[in-house]
Amino acid sequence: MRIFLTTLFILSLAFPGQPQSFTFFDQPWLNSIAAKPATDITTGLVAWYKFNGDGTDSSGNGYNLTAIGSPTYTTGANGFQCAVLNGSSQYFNYTGSYGIGSGITNWSITAWVYPTTLASGPDYHSQRHIINVALDGIGLIEDNSGTWTTYYRDGTGTYWSTSNNSDYTSNVWHFLAATMDGTNYVLTVDGNIVTTGASAQNSGLNTSTTGIGNDTTGARLFQGNLQDLRIYNRRLLSTEVSTLNANGAK
């Protein structure tokens, strides 16, 4: 082993311009392990909906969805399954608490979405809702103004939202991420931060009902495909959002 390592050292001196796989460790396989990124982001994961044929919560916390109107399923991004919602009668709901309580200050929502029809219309009734963690709580929507929008309602009843029309296109997969740290909230589309907002207020979250593909009341329905939708009880770092985007849908 000593002869082997000495040989590597001599070669590195003899060929300084050549890439060296043993920069940090004596063994190349140790370098590959050290450089390997985390395969997933699961710390603080409250609910995880892969839509692999149903609305099962893959986080292990048991927050399974109820399917309304018999959503269908097909092959989505990366060869995994996704839910197909028709925009008129199909959606998911979860009734109960996610255990994150009211007055939440740190949260994140991520989702892979494939809208087949974009939102448009004269007012908020024309919105298409991707997820609402409690009506008037926190969520991701397609606004009727033609933008991606993340919003939350603070403890005083005031709405805070930020929107951007970056990559707001139909019939293509998009990765959306909304994060909040109690002071600032960020909307990321396809790995790029597109807009930010600021508020010192906490969210007045009441987790009695969560709507996915609707506004929790069976209205303002999303039309298209949903996949790999996650709810976190903390703010994801920008590097973690980048990792989820790079990993692709699951």
Protein backbone atom coordinates (compact mmCIF):
# COMPACT_ATOMS: atom_id res chain seq x y z
CA MET A 1 0.00 0.00 0.00
CA ARG A 2 2.87 2.39 0.86
CA ILE A 3 4.49 1.73 -2.54
CA PHE A 4 1.13 2.37 -4.26
CA LEU A 5 0.63 5.71 -2.51
CA THR A 6 4.21 6.76 -3.21
CA THR A 7 3.66 6.01 -6.89
CA LEU A 8 0.56 8.18 -6.94
CA PHE A 9 2.48 11.03 -5.35
CA ILE A 10 5.29 10.77 -7.91
CA LEU A 11 2.81 10.68 -10.80
CA SER A 12 1.11 13.79 -9.47
CA LEU A 13 4.45 15.60 -9.53
CA ALA A 14 5.39 14.27 -12.94
CA PHE A 15 2.09 15.23 -14.55
CA PRO A 16 0.91 18.35 -12.75
CA GLY A 17 -1.46 19.32 -15.54
CA GLN A 18 -3.37 16.06 -15.44
CA PRO A 19 -6.62 15.69 -13.45
CA GLN A 20 -6.01 13.88 -10.20
CA SER A 21 -8.79 11.76 -8.69
CA PHE A 22 -6.93 11.54 -5.36
CA THR A 23 -6.87 15.22 -4.49
CA PHE A 24 -8.41 14.85 -1.04
CA PHE A 25 -8.02 11.18 -0.12
CA ASP A 26 -5.48 8.44 -0.78
CA GLN A 27 -8.15 6.24 -2.36
CA PRO A 28 -10.11 7.42 -5.45
CA TRP A 29 -13.32 5.75 -4.27
CA LEU A 30 -13.23 7.90 -1.12
CA ASN A 31 -13.20 11.00 -3.28
CA SER A 32 -16.27 9.83 -5.17
CA ILE A 33 -18.12 9.29 -1.90
CA ALA A 34 -17.10 12.67 -0.51
CA ALA A 35 -18.19 14.48 -3.69
CA LYS A 36 -21.53 12.68 -3.98
CA PRO A 37 -24.42 15.07 -3.20
CA ALA A 38 -27.33 14.15 -0.97
CA THR A 39 -29.88 12.14 -2.92
CA ASP A 40 -32.88 13.87 -1.38
CA ILE A 41 -34.04 16.55 1.05
CA THR A 42 -36.17 14.96 3.77
CA THR A 43 -35.37 16.92 6.94
CA GLY A 44 -38.54 18.67 8.07
CA LEU A 45 -40.64 16.85 5.48
CA VAL A 46 -44.23 16.84 6.75
CA ALA A 47 -46.07 15.39 3.75
CA TRP A 48 -44.89 13.98 0.42
CA TYR A 49 -47.32 13.16 -2.39
CA LYS A 50 -45.77 11.27 -5.29
CA PHE A 51 -49.16 10.41 -6.86
CA ASN A 52 -47.97 6.93 -7.71
CA GLY A 53 -51.47 5.68 -8.45
CA ASP A 54 -53.07 7.31 -5.41
CA GLY A 55 -52.74 10.10 -2.83
CA THR A 56 -50.63 8.21 -0.30
CA ASP A 57 -48.32 10.29 1.88
CA SER A 58 -44.81 8.94 1.24
CA SER A 59 -43.29 10.84 4.17
CA GLY A 60 -44.46 8.10 6.54
CA ASN A 61 -46.57 10.54 8.57
CA GLY A 62 -49.86 9.13 7.33
CA TYR A 63 -51.38 12.31 5.87
CA ASN A 64 -53.04 10.46 3.00
CA LEU A 65 -55.22 12.40 0.57
CA THR A 66 -58.83 11.76 -0.37
CA ALA A 67 -59.31 11.68 -4.14
CA ILE A 68 -62.39 13.51 -5.44
CA GLY A 69 -63.85 12.81 -8.89
CA SER A 70 -61.57 9.85 -9.62
CA PRO A 71 -58.32 11.49 -10.78
CA THR A 72 -56.37 9.40 -13.26
CA TYR A 73 -52.66 8.64 -13.35
CA THR A 74 -50.07 8.42 -16.09
CA THR A 75 -46.32 8.39 -16.60
CA GLY A 76 -44.91 11.76 -15.63
CA ALA A 77 -41.45 13.29 -15.40
CA ASN A 78 -38.44 10.96 -15.08
CA GLY A 79 -40.62 7.94 -15.77
CA PHE A 80 -42.50 8.13 -12.46
CA GLN A 81 -46.27 8.39 -12.17
CA CYS A 82 -48.23 11.60 -11.75
CA ALA A 83 -51.84 12.60 -11.12
CA VAL A 84 -53.93 13.92 -14.02
CA LEU A 85 -56.63 16.46 -13.09
CA ASN A 86 -59.29 17.56 -15.57
CA GLY A 87 -59.86 21.05 -14.15
CA SER A 88 -63.59 20.53 -13.69
CA SER A 89 -64.28 17.77 -11.17
CA GLN A 90 -61.04 16.10 -10.07
CA TYR A 91 -58.86 17.08 -7.10
CA PHE A 92 -57.54 15.93 -3.72
CA ASN A 93 -58.25 16.99 -0.14
CA TYR A 94 -56.78 16.23 3.24
CA THR A 95 -58.91 16.92 6.30
CA GLY A 96 -57.01 17.27 9.55
CA SER A 97 -53.95 18.91 11.00
CA TYR A 98 -50.45 18.46 9.63
CA GLY A 99 -49.16 18.99 13.14
CA ILE A 100 -47.48 22.29 12.31
CA GLY A 101 -50.08 24.41 14.09
CA SER A 102 -51.09 28.02 13.69
CA GLY A 103 -48.71 30.95 13.72
CA ILE A 104 -46.24 29.05 11.56
CA THR A 105 -43.21 31.14 10.62
CA ASN A 106 -41.08 28.69 8.63
CA TRP A 107 -42.42 26.53 5.83
CA SER A 108 -41.78 25.36 2.29
CA ILE A 109 -43.88 23.89 -0.49
CA THR A 110 -42.42 22.28 -3.61
CA ALA A 111 -44.16 20.64 -6.55
CA TRP A 112 -43.68 19.51 -10.12
CA VAL A 113 -46.57 20.80 -12.24
CA TYR A 114 -47.61 20.38 -15.85
CA PRO A 115 -50.50 22.75 -16.57
CA THR A 116 -52.45 21.90 -19.69
CA THR A 117 -54.55 25.07 -19.48
CA LEU A 118 -53.31 28.35 -18.04
CA ALA A 119 -55.34 30.53 -15.70
CA SER A 120 -56.98 33.61 -17.18
CA GLY A 121 -60.05 35.66 -16.39
CA PRO A 122 -61.39 38.86 -14.87
CA ASP A 123 -60.87 38.09 -11.16
CA TYR A 124 -59.67 35.64 -8.55
CA HIS A 125 -62.46 33.20 -9.37
CA SER A 126 -60.44 32.32 -12.49
CA GLN A 127 -57.38 31.26 -10.51
CA ARG A 128 -56.17 27.65 -10.68
CA HIS A 129 -54.97 26.37 -7.32
CA ILE A 130 -52.13 23.89 -7.08
CA ILE A 131 -52.08 23.55 -3.28
CA ASN A 132 -53.65 25.34 -0.34
CA VAL A 133 -52.58 24.27 3.13
CA ALA A 134 -55.81 25.42 4.72
CA LEU A 135 -58.07 27.95 3.05
CA ASP A 136 -56.49 31.37 3.53
CA GLY A 137 -53.36 29.69 4.88
CA ILE A 138 -50.35 29.13 2.61
CA GLY A 139 -50.28 27.99 -0.97
CA LEU A 140 -49.16 27.92 -4.58
CA ILE A 141 -51.53 28.97 -7.34
CA GLU A 142 -51.81 30.02 -10.95
CA ASP A 143 -53.17 33.53 -10.70
CA ASN A 144 -55.75 34.84 -13.17
CA SER A 145 -53.26 37.57 -14.11
CA GLY A 146 -51.12 34.92 -15.80
CA THR A 147 -48.48 34.36 -13.12
CA TRP A 148 -47.18 31.79 -10.68
CA THR A 149 -48.09 33.01 -7.19
CA THR A 150 -47.24 31.98 -3.64
CA TYR A 151 -49.23 33.46 -0.80
CA TYR A 152 -49.95 33.27 2.89
CA ARG A 153 -52.31 34.92 5.32
CA ASP A 154 -50.79 36.35 8.46
CA GLY A 155 -52.15 36.31 12.00
CA THR A 156 -53.92 39.64 11.48
CA GLY A 157 -55.92 38.41 8.49
CA THR A 158 -53.77 40.24 5.95
CA TYR A 159 -52.81 38.48 2.74
CA TRP A 160 -49.23 38.54 1.54
CA SER A 161 -48.32 37.27 -1.91
CA THR A 162 -45.68 37.49 -4.57
CA SER A 163 -46.07 36.64 -8.25
CA ASN A 164 -44.05 36.30 -11.41
CA ASN A 165 -44.83 35.21 -14.96
CA SER A 166 -41.40 33.64 -15.51
CA ASP A 167 -41.78 30.44 -17.53
CA TYR A 168 -45.54 30.54 -17.08
CA THR A 169 -46.21 28.14 -19.94
CA SER A 170 -48.47 25.16 -20.52
CA ASN A 171 -47.75 21.58 -21.58
CA VAL A 172 -44.29 21.49 -20.04
CA TRP A 173 -43.06 20.37 -16.61
CA HIS A 174 -42.14 23.11 -14.13
CA PHE A 175 -40.57 22.85 -10.69
CA LEU A 176 -42.09 25.31 -8.21
CA ALA A 177 -40.80 26.06 -4.73
CA ALA A 178 -42.18 28.53 -2.18
CA THR A 179 -40.25 29.12 1.05
CA MET A 180 -40.86 31.33 4.09
CA ASP A 181 -38.64 32.09 7.10
CA GLY A 182 -40.94 34.37 9.07
CA THR A 183 -39.52 37.50 7.50
CA ASN A 184 -38.98 36.83 3.81
CA TYR A 185 -40.67 34.56 1.33
CA VAL A 186 -39.23 33.38 -1.96
CA LEU A 187 -40.77 31.93 -5.12
CA THR A 188 -38.52 29.75 -7.28
CA VAL A 189 -39.46 28.49 -10.76
CA ASP A 190 -37.40 25.83 -12.51
CA GLY A 191 -34.49 26.40 -10.14
CA ASN A 192 -34.43 30.19 -10.56
CA ILE A 193 -35.51 32.67 -7.88
CA VAL A 194 -38.07 34.79 -9.71
CA THR A 195 -39.44 36.98 -6.93
CA THR A 196 -39.22 37.63 -3.20
CA GLY A 197 -41.35 39.39 -0.61
CA ALA A 198 -40.95 40.56 2.95
CA SER A 199 -43.17 40.61 6.02
CA ALA A 200 -42.66 40.49 9.76
CA GLN A 201 -45.96 38.72 10.30
CA ASN A 202 -46.58 35.05 11.05
CA SER A 203 -48.99 32.97 9.06
CA GLY A 204 -52.41 32.51 10.63
CA LEU A 205 -52.50 28.91 9.47
CA ASN A 206 -55.51 26.82 10.38
CA THR A 207 -54.86 23.33 9.06
CA SER A 208 -58.40 22.01 9.07
CA THR A 209 -58.45 21.22 5.34
CA THR A 210 -55.80 21.14 2.65
CA GLY A 211 -56.74 21.26 -1.00
CA ILE A 212 -54.53 19.97 -3.79
CA GLY A 213 -55.72 20.92 -7.23
CA ASN A 214 -58.40 23.13 -5.66
CA ASP A 215 -58.92 25.91 -3.10
CA THR A 216 -60.12 23.45 -0.38
CA THR A 217 -63.78 24.09 -1.28
CA GLY A 218 -63.82 22.28 -4.63
CA ALA A 219 -63.46 25.49 -6.63
CA ARG A 220 -60.72 27.13 -8.72
CA LEU A 221 -59.49 23.76 -9.98
CA PHE A 222 -56.07 23.09 -11.43
CA GLN A 223 -56.00 21.49 -14.88
CA GLY A 224 -53.00 19.37 -15.72
CA ASN A 225 -50.59 16.96 -14.06
CA LEU A 226 -49.13 17.04 -10.54
CA GLN A 227 -46.15 15.11 -9.24
CA ASP A 228 -43.78 14.96 -6.27
CA LEU A 229 -45.55 17.56 -4.11
CA ARG A 230 -43.98 18.23 -0.71
CA ILE A 231 -44.73 20.23 2.43
CA TYR A 232 -41.92 21.09 4.86
CA ASN A 233 -42.13 22.60 8.34
CA ARG A 234 -39.01 24.71 7.73
CA ARG A 235 -37.58 27.05 5.14
CA LEU A 236 -35.52 25.20 2.57
CA LEU A 237 -32.15 26.73 1.78
CA SER A 238 -31.60 27.91 -1.78
CA THR A 239 -29.05 25.13 -2.21
CA GLU A 240 -31.64 22.56 -1.16
CA VAL A 241 -34.17 23.94 -3.62
CA SER A 242 -31.49 23.69 -6.32
CA THR A 243 -30.85 20.08 -5.33
CA LEU A 244 -34.54 19.16 -5.60
CA ASN A 245 -34.73 20.86 -9.00
CA ALA A 246 -31.59 19.08 -10.22
CA ASN A 247 -32.77 15.69 -8.91
CA GLY A 248 -35.98 15.95 -10.91
CA ALA A 249 -39.42 14.63 -10.03
CA LYS A 250 -39.89 11.36 -8.17
